[in-house]
Amino acid sequence: MIPFLLIMNVLTLGVFGFDKWQAKKHQWRISENTLLGISLLGGIIGAASGMILFNHKVSKKTFLMKFVLVVLVDLFVFYRLLRH
């Protein structure tokens, strides 16, 4: 499970960085649902790091509220997996 989470977090960090790069160039963007989806799949640390490192999506309150929900769901699932 740890290799999977490591790969997901690195991938998620890269996706957030790529989306910010695209935003600066006014090019095609990755949807917020995709960003939240890969975060939900185990990339919450990479997503949070990408948001801070690239200053990406940090001023969008609706995105932040959805991201907090994703973090809570991930923590709940992780807790349930550890208990079994």
C-alpha atoms as a PDB file:
ATOM      1  CA  MET A   1       0.000   0.000   0.000  1.00  0.00           C
ATOM      2  CA  ILE A   2       2.856   2.415   0.761  1.00  0.00           C
ATOM      3  CA  PRO A   3       4.354   2.230  -2.770  1.00  0.00           C
ATOM      4  CA  PHE A   4       0.905   2.928  -4.228  1.00  0.00           C
ATOM      5  CA  LEU A   5       0.388   5.963  -1.970  1.00  0.00           C
ATOM      6  CA  LEU A   6       3.864   7.265  -2.754  1.00  0.00           C
ATOM      7  CA  ILE A   7       3.243   6.988  -6.507  1.00  0.00           C
ATOM      8  CA  MET A   8      -0.210   8.586  -6.194  1.00  0.00           C
ATOM      9  CA  ASN A   9       1.129  11.514  -4.199  1.00  0.00           C
ATOM     10  CA  VAL A  10       3.993  12.189  -6.607  1.00  0.00           C
ATOM     11  CA  LEU A  11       1.582  11.914  -9.540  1.00  0.00           C
ATOM     12  CA  THR A  12      -0.931  14.231  -7.855  1.00  0.00           C
ATOM     13  CA  LEU A  13       1.750  16.811  -7.077  1.00  0.00           C
ATOM     14  CA  GLY A  14       2.779  16.727 -10.749  1.00  0.00           C
ATOM     15  CA  VAL A  15      -0.800  17.101 -11.957  1.00  0.00           C
ATOM     16  CA  PHE A  16      -1.393  20.117  -9.709  1.00  0.00           C
ATOM     17  CA  GLY A  17       1.869  21.648 -10.933  1.00  0.00           C
ATOM     18  CA  PHE A  18       0.964  20.982 -14.571  1.00  0.00           C
ATOM     19  CA  ASP A  19      -2.478  22.525 -14.117  1.00  0.00           C
ATOM     20  CA  LYS A  20      -0.963  25.654 -12.578  1.00  0.00           C
ATOM     21  CA  TRP A  21       1.527  25.857 -15.462  1.00  0.00           C
ATOM     22  CA  GLN A  22      -1.334  25.571 -17.958  1.00  0.00           C
ATOM     23  CA  ALA A  23      -3.254  28.271 -16.077  1.00  0.00           C
ATOM     24  CA  LYS A  24      -0.334  30.675 -16.350  1.00  0.00           C
ATOM     25  CA  LYS A  25      -0.167  30.068 -20.112  1.00  0.00           C
ATOM     26  CA  HIS A  26      -3.980  30.424 -20.471  1.00  0.00           C
ATOM     27  CA  GLN A  27      -4.115  26.951 -22.018  1.00  0.00           C
ATOM     28  CA  TRP A  28      -6.342  23.900 -21.597  1.00  0.00           C
ATOM     29  CA  ARG A  29      -6.859  23.044 -17.904  1.00  0.00           C
ATOM     30  CA  ILE A  30      -7.494  19.937 -15.850  1.00  0.00           C
ATOM     31  CA  SER A  31     -10.984  19.943 -14.352  1.00  0.00           C
ATOM     32  CA  GLU A  32     -11.470  20.443 -10.646  1.00  0.00           C
ATOM     33  CA  ASN A  33     -13.304  17.124 -10.480  1.00  0.00           C
ATOM     34  CA  THR A  34     -10.245  15.366 -11.890  1.00  0.00           C
ATOM     35  CA  LEU A  35      -7.982  17.117  -9.377  1.00  0.00           C
ATOM     36  CA  LEU A  36     -10.302  16.100  -6.546  1.00  0.00           C
ATOM     37  CA  GLY A  37     -10.633  12.567  -7.935  1.00  0.00           C
ATOM     38  CA  ILE A  38      -6.916  11.854  -7.970  1.00  0.00           C
ATOM     39  CA  SER A  39      -6.700  13.381  -4.503  1.00  0.00           C
ATOM     40  CA  LEU A  40      -9.418  10.994  -3.359  1.00  0.00           C
ATOM     41  CA  LEU A  41      -7.501   8.020  -4.755  1.00  0.00           C
ATOM     42  CA  GLY A  42      -4.766   8.579  -2.216  1.00  0.00           C
ATOM     43  CA  GLY A  43      -2.993  11.722  -3.288  1.00  0.00           C
ATOM     44  CA  ILE A  44      -4.079  14.118  -0.564  1.00  0.00           C
ATOM     45  CA  ILE A  45      -0.535  14.845   0.619  1.00  0.00           C
ATOM     46  CA  GLY A  46       0.603  15.488  -2.953  1.00  0.00           C
ATOM     47  CA  ALA A  47      -2.455  17.647  -3.591  1.00  0.00           C
ATOM     48  CA  ALA A  48      -1.978  19.704  -0.446  1.00  0.00           C
ATOM     49  CA  SER A  49       1.724  20.079  -1.260  1.00  0.00           C
ATOM     50  CA  GLY A  50       0.897  21.145  -4.810  1.00  0.00           C
ATOM     51  CA  MET A  51      -1.645  23.656  -3.599  1.00  0.00           C
ATOM     52  CA  ILE A  52       0.911  25.219  -1.253  1.00  0.00           C
ATOM     53  CA  LEU A  53       4.014  24.882  -3.430  1.00  0.00           C
ATOM     54  CA  PHE A  54       2.382  26.189  -6.614  1.00  0.00           C
ATOM     55  CA  ASN A  55      -0.125  28.495  -4.854  1.00  0.00           C
ATOM     56  CA  HIS A  56      -2.807  26.674  -6.815  1.00  0.00           C
ATOM     57  CA  LYS A  57      -6.526  26.697  -5.994  1.00  0.00           C
ATOM     58  CA  VAL A  58      -5.868  28.154  -2.542  1.00  0.00           C
ATOM     59  CA  SER A  59      -8.136  31.170  -3.059  1.00  0.00           C
ATOM     60  CA  LYS A  60     -11.106  29.176  -4.408  1.00  0.00           C
ATOM     61  CA  LYS A  61     -13.333  28.602  -1.384  1.00  0.00           C
ATOM     62  CA  THR A  62     -15.583  26.083  -3.140  1.00  0.00           C
ATOM     63  CA  PHE A  63     -12.591  23.973  -4.176  1.00  0.00           C
ATOM     64  CA  LEU A  64     -11.126  24.140  -0.666  1.00  0.00           C
ATOM     65  CA  MET A  65     -14.417  22.982   0.881  1.00  0.00           C
ATOM     66  CA  LYS A  66     -14.582  20.031  -1.531  1.00  0.00           C
ATOM     67  CA  PHE A  67     -10.923  19.250  -0.863  1.00  0.00           C
ATOM     68  CA  VAL A  68     -11.533  19.160   2.903  1.00  0.00           C
ATOM     69  CA  LEU A  69     -14.380  16.713   2.275  1.00  0.00           C
ATOM     70  CA  VAL A  70     -12.035  14.540   0.167  1.00  0.00           C
ATOM     71  CA  VAL A  71      -9.456  14.591   2.968  1.00  0.00           C
ATOM     72  CA  LEU A  72     -12.072  13.520   5.521  1.00  0.00           C
ATOM     73  CA  VAL A  73     -13.280  10.681   3.276  1.00  0.00           C
ATOM     74  CA  ASP A  74      -9.681   9.536   2.707  1.00  0.00           C
ATOM     75  CA  LEU A  75      -8.940   9.601   6.426  1.00  0.00           C
ATOM     76  CA  PHE A  76     -12.084   7.605   7.173  1.00  0.00           C
ATOM     77  CA  VAL A  77     -11.241   4.977   4.537  1.00  0.00           C
ATOM     78  CA  PHE A  78      -7.630   4.776   5.749  1.00  0.00           C
ATOM     79  CA  TYR A  79      -8.833   4.338   9.329  1.00  0.00           C
ATOM     80  CA  ARG A  80     -11.211   1.543   8.275  1.00  0.00           C
ATOM     81  CA  LEU A  81      -8.432  -0.203   6.341  1.00  0.00           C
ATOM     82  CA  LEU A  82      -6.114  -0.084   9.345  1.00  0.00           C
ATOM     83  CA  ARG A  83      -8.766  -1.560  11.625  1.00  0.00           C
ATOM     84  CA  HIS A  84      -9.235  -4.645   9.447  1.00  0.00           C
END
